[in-house]
Protein backbone atom coordinates (compact mmCIF):
# COMPACT_ATOMS: atom_id res chain seq x y z
CA MET A 1 -59.71 -19.00 -1.42
CA LYS A 2 -58.37 -14.93 -1.11
CA THR A 3 -59.08 -15.36 -5.07
CA LEU A 4 -62.96 -15.87 -4.49
CA THR A 5 -65.18 -13.37 -3.71
CA LEU A 6 -68.06 -13.72 -1.51
CA VAL A 7 -70.30 -14.19 -3.92
CA ASP A 8 -67.97 -16.91 -5.45
CA LYS A 9 -68.45 -18.74 -1.74
CA ILE A 10 -72.35 -18.22 -1.74
CA ALA A 11 -72.51 -19.68 -5.35
CA TYR A 12 -70.42 -22.81 -4.91
CA ILE A 13 -71.98 -23.31 -1.47
CA PHE A 14 -75.54 -23.31 -3.16
CA LEU A 15 -74.16 -25.82 -5.79
CA ILE A 16 -72.59 -28.23 -3.31
CA ILE A 17 -76.01 -28.14 -1.34
CA ILE A 18 -77.69 -28.45 -4.62
CA PHE A 19 -75.99 -31.54 -6.24
CA GLY A 20 -75.59 -33.24 -2.70
CA PHE A 21 -79.03 -33.93 -2.51
CA GLY A 22 -79.49 -34.33 -6.03
CA ILE A 23 -77.20 -37.71 -5.47
CA TYR A 24 -78.86 -38.35 -2.25
CA TYR A 25 -81.94 -38.28 -3.59
CA ALA A 26 -81.18 -40.00 -7.17
CA ASN A 27 -79.68 -42.72 -5.59
CA SER A 28 -82.10 -43.28 -2.41
CA ASN A 29 -85.73 -42.03 -3.95
CA LEU A 30 -85.05 -42.13 -7.74
CA THR A 31 -89.04 -41.19 -8.44
CA TYR A 32 -88.54 -38.14 -5.88
CA PHE A 33 -85.90 -37.15 -7.95
CA ASP A 34 -87.56 -37.13 -11.23
CA GLU A 35 -90.69 -36.07 -10.04
CA VAL A 36 -90.27 -33.47 -7.76
CA TYR A 37 -86.68 -32.51 -7.19
CA THR A 38 -86.07 -32.07 -10.89
CA LYS A 39 -89.31 -31.50 -12.24
CA GLU A 40 -90.41 -29.74 -15.43
CA ASP A 41 -91.44 -26.24 -13.84
CA GLY A 42 -89.78 -27.06 -10.76
CA PHE A 43 -87.31 -24.70 -9.13
CA VAL A 44 -84.60 -26.29 -10.64
CA GLU A 45 -85.65 -25.24 -14.10
CA TYR A 46 -86.98 -21.68 -13.13
CA GLY A 47 -83.62 -21.57 -10.95
CA THR A 48 -81.54 -22.03 -14.22
CA ALA A 49 -83.95 -19.43 -16.31
CA LEU A 50 -83.46 -16.80 -13.26
CA LEU A 51 -80.59 -17.17 -13.70
CA LEU A 52 -79.53 -16.67 -17.82
CA PHE A 53 -81.80 -13.94 -17.40
CA CYS A 54 -79.99 -11.95 -14.57
CA SER A 55 -76.90 -12.55 -16.75
CA SER A 56 -78.70 -10.90 -20.12
CA ILE A 57 -79.52 -8.33 -17.78
CA LEU A 58 -76.22 -7.72 -16.06
CA LEU A 59 -74.90 -7.45 -19.74
CA PHE A 60 -77.32 -5.10 -21.09
CA SER A 61 -77.22 -2.83 -18.25
CA ARG A 62 -73.17 -2.74 -18.52
CA PHE A 63 -73.87 -2.01 -22.30
CA ILE A 64 -76.17 0.88 -21.73
CA LYS A 65 -73.99 2.49 -18.78
CA LEU A 66 -70.54 2.06 -20.74
CA GLN A 67 -71.68 2.20 -25.21
CA LYS A 68 -71.14 5.57 -24.99
CA THR A 69 -67.53 5.17 -24.31
CA LYS A 70 -67.17 1.97 -26.26
CA LYS A 71 -66.74 1.12 -29.80
CA THR A 72 -68.80 -0.63 -31.86
CA LEU A 73 -67.46 -4.20 -31.85
CA TRP A 74 -67.59 -3.89 -28.19
CA LYS A 75 -71.52 -2.94 -28.30
CA LEU A 76 -71.55 -5.97 -31.08
CA GLY A 77 -70.26 -8.42 -28.65
CA ILE A 78 -71.93 -7.62 -25.48
CA LEU A 79 -75.40 -7.48 -27.09
CA ALA A 80 -74.88 -10.61 -29.10
CA ILE A 81 -74.04 -12.53 -25.91
CA ALA A 82 -76.86 -10.82 -23.79
CA PHE A 83 -79.30 -12.32 -26.70
CA VAL A 84 -78.00 -15.75 -26.56
CA PHE A 85 -78.64 -15.63 -22.60
CA ILE A 86 -82.29 -14.11 -22.55
CA PHE A 87 -83.01 -16.96 -25.55
CA GLY A 88 -81.72 -19.31 -23.63
CA ALA A 89 -83.89 -18.18 -20.58
CA GLY A 90 -86.79 -17.93 -22.59
CA GLU A 91 -86.13 -21.74 -23.96
CA GLU A 92 -85.57 -22.86 -20.79
CA ILE A 93 -89.02 -22.29 -19.83
CA SER A 94 -90.30 -22.39 -23.01
CA TRP A 95 -91.09 -18.79 -23.23
CA GLY A 96 -93.67 -18.33 -20.28
CA GLN A 97 -96.11 -20.91 -22.38
CA ARG A 98 -96.60 -23.16 -19.29
CA ILE A 99 -96.51 -20.16 -17.23
CA PHE A 100 -99.25 -18.50 -18.95
CA ASN A 101 -101.28 -21.64 -20.15
CA ILE A 102 -100.72 -20.51 -23.64
CA GLU A 103 -101.83 -23.58 -25.80
CA SER A 104 -98.99 -24.55 -28.44
CA SER A 105 -99.79 -23.79 -32.42
CA ALA A 106 -100.55 -26.95 -34.62
CA TYR A 107 -97.11 -26.67 -36.15
CA PHE A 108 -95.72 -27.05 -32.12
CA LYS A 109 -97.54 -29.66 -31.66
CA GLU A 110 -96.62 -31.73 -34.33
CA ASN A 111 -92.78 -30.46 -34.81
CA ASN A 112 -91.84 -30.53 -30.91
CA ALA A 113 -90.93 -33.25 -28.79
CA GLN A 114 -92.92 -31.67 -26.15
CA ALA A 115 -95.57 -30.55 -28.03
CA GLU A 116 -94.46 -27.20 -26.76
CA THR A 117 -93.41 -23.66 -28.45
CA ASN A 118 -89.31 -24.02 -28.14
CA LEU A 119 -86.86 -24.95 -30.67
CA HIS A 120 -84.47 -26.69 -28.24
CA ASN A 121 -86.87 -29.67 -28.28
CA MET A 122 -87.86 -29.49 -32.16
CA VAL A 123 -87.57 -32.62 -34.19
CA VAL A 124 -86.16 -32.37 -37.59
CA ASN A 125 -86.43 -36.08 -39.81
CA GLY A 126 -86.97 -37.93 -36.66
CA LYS A 127 -84.07 -36.29 -34.58
CA LYS A 128 -83.83 -33.65 -31.89
CA ILE A 129 -82.73 -30.89 -32.27
CA ASN A 130 -81.67 -30.48 -28.59
CA LYS A 131 -79.39 -33.89 -29.08
CA LEU A 132 -77.78 -32.76 -32.59
CA ILE A 133 -77.21 -28.55 -32.15
CA PHE A 134 -77.97 -27.61 -28.04
CA SER A 135 -76.12 -30.57 -26.93
CA GLN A 136 -72.98 -31.38 -29.19
CA LEU A 137 -72.77 -28.13 -30.77
CA LEU A 138 -73.05 -26.34 -26.70
CA THR A 139 -70.37 -28.84 -25.62
CA VAL A 140 -67.95 -28.05 -28.27
CA ILE A 141 -68.02 -24.70 -27.54
CA LEU A 142 -67.38 -25.07 -23.92
CA ILE A 143 -64.44 -26.94 -24.15
CA ILE A 144 -63.37 -24.13 -26.18
CA TYR A 145 -64.18 -21.31 -24.25
CA LEU A 146 -62.95 -22.91 -20.73
CA LEU A 147 -60.43 -24.76 -21.45
CA ILE A 148 -58.89 -23.56 -24.74
CA LEU A 149 -59.34 -19.97 -24.38
CA PRO A 150 -58.32 -19.04 -21.43
CA PHE A 151 -54.63 -20.46 -22.67
CA ILE A 152 -54.21 -18.68 -25.98
CA TYR A 153 -55.76 -15.28 -23.98
CA ARG A 154 -53.11 -15.55 -21.62
CA LYS A 155 -50.43 -16.75 -24.35
CA PHE A 156 -51.34 -14.09 -27.23
CA ALA A 157 -51.60 -10.83 -26.96
CA GLY A 158 -53.53 -10.69 -30.57
CA ILE A 159 -55.75 -13.08 -29.42
CA LYS A 160 -56.27 -11.20 -26.17
CA LYS A 161 -57.00 -7.98 -28.24
CA LEU A 162 -59.25 -9.38 -30.04
CA VAL A 163 -61.33 -10.78 -27.22
CA ASP A 164 -61.55 -7.93 -25.25
CA ASN A 165 -62.48 -5.86 -28.18
CA PHE A 166 -65.56 -7.91 -28.35
CA ALA A 167 -66.45 -7.65 -24.80
CA VAL A 168 -65.82 -11.94 -24.54
CA PRO A 169 -65.48 -12.71 -20.73
CA ILE A 170 -62.55 -14.86 -20.09
CA VAL A 171 -63.17 -17.20 -17.16
CA LYS A 172 -61.25 -17.75 -14.05
CA TRP A 173 -59.36 -21.05 -13.42
CA HIS A 174 -61.92 -21.74 -10.72
CA GLN A 175 -64.75 -21.65 -12.33
CA THR A 176 -63.35 -23.97 -15.16
CA ILE A 177 -62.57 -26.40 -12.18
CA ALA A 178 -66.30 -25.89 -10.65
CA PHE A 179 -67.80 -26.91 -14.81
CA LEU A 180 -65.56 -29.64 -14.81
CA LEU A 181 -66.46 -30.79 -10.90
CA THR A 182 -70.45 -30.34 -11.67
CA THR A 183 -69.45 -32.64 -14.76
CA ALA A 184 -67.95 -35.13 -13.04
CA ILE A 185 -70.08 -35.26 -10.29
CA LEU A 186 -72.91 -36.50 -13.12
CA VAL A 187 -71.17 -40.05 -12.77
CA PHE A 188 -73.07 -40.24 -9.49
CA ILE A 189 -76.42 -39.56 -11.35
CA SER A 190 -78.28 -42.19 -13.32
CA SER A 191 -81.18 -39.93 -14.38
CA ASN A 192 -81.93 -38.83 -17.34
CA ARG A 193 -82.96 -35.53 -15.37
CA LYS A 194 -79.95 -34.95 -14.11
CA TRP A 195 -79.31 -32.30 -16.96
CA GLU A 196 -81.44 -30.35 -15.20
CA LEU A 197 -78.85 -29.94 -12.57
CA TYR A 198 -75.79 -29.00 -15.12
CA GLU A 199 -78.06 -26.44 -16.64
CA LEU A 200 -78.20 -24.98 -13.08
CA ALA A 201 -74.83 -25.34 -12.83
CA PHE A 202 -74.29 -23.09 -15.79
CA GLY A 203 -76.48 -20.52 -15.12
CA VAL A 204 -74.92 -19.84 -12.08
CA ILE A 205 -71.30 -20.08 -13.26
CA PHE A 206 -71.43 -18.17 -16.11
CA PHE A 207 -73.24 -15.28 -14.12
CA LEU A 208 -69.94 -15.44 -12.07
CA ILE A 209 -68.05 -15.56 -15.00
CA PHE A 210 -70.00 -12.43 -16.43
CA LEU A 211 -70.16 -10.61 -12.78
CA ASN A 212 -66.34 -10.54 -12.22
CA PRO A 213 -64.03 -12.39 -15.30
CA PHE A 214 -60.35 -12.46 -15.70
CA ASN A 215 -60.66 -9.22 -18.35
CA LYS A 216 -62.74 -7.26 -16.10
CA GLU A 217 -61.30 -4.16 -17.45
CA ILE A 218 -63.49 -5.17 -20.31
CA TYR A 219 -66.20 -3.61 -18.51
CA GLU A 220 -64.71 -0.57 -17.60
CA THR A 221 -64.75 2.91 -18.80
CA ASN A 222 -62.01 3.65 -21.74
């Protein structure tokens, strides 16, 4: 536990509590789990959006602080990651549509599975983009990022240099383990709403990665 910071410990305790209650409700009161605990526009969904947004703000703040001392590739890398996460935060809450009671355009009503203004629920030729791209592609990316990249980063100097040049944070092993454990825990939850908890875990763990990566020197002044 010496490798864990106080923030790490708080975050993991938070996930243990959230997933613990999730398993309990999913197996004792499935209706409550679906319609209250993990409901649309509930604390789990908003928590995910907030964490993704905080991750992007953290990266933008580092860009502003360090951009004068960093090279172009570093700037491109950190901005690209920041925009990906702010996009994810916006998609999670349909860009505030339900919060501000904004009606979807005719195009989204016709082509979005939930008639909302977002991309991940779009339907193309009868197939949801969420399943084809956001789920399957994201799974491949996570496997590469969490399991493969940490090994080759530590083994090959050329890969290390390339990754650091683009300001890509490398996970610590406890962060990888946390992802694997949350993935395994989903077996104990039968509801399809379990993916809301998984997305929350994604938000928590990636915030920890950005906050204190293995290659934390990428966020230091040259």
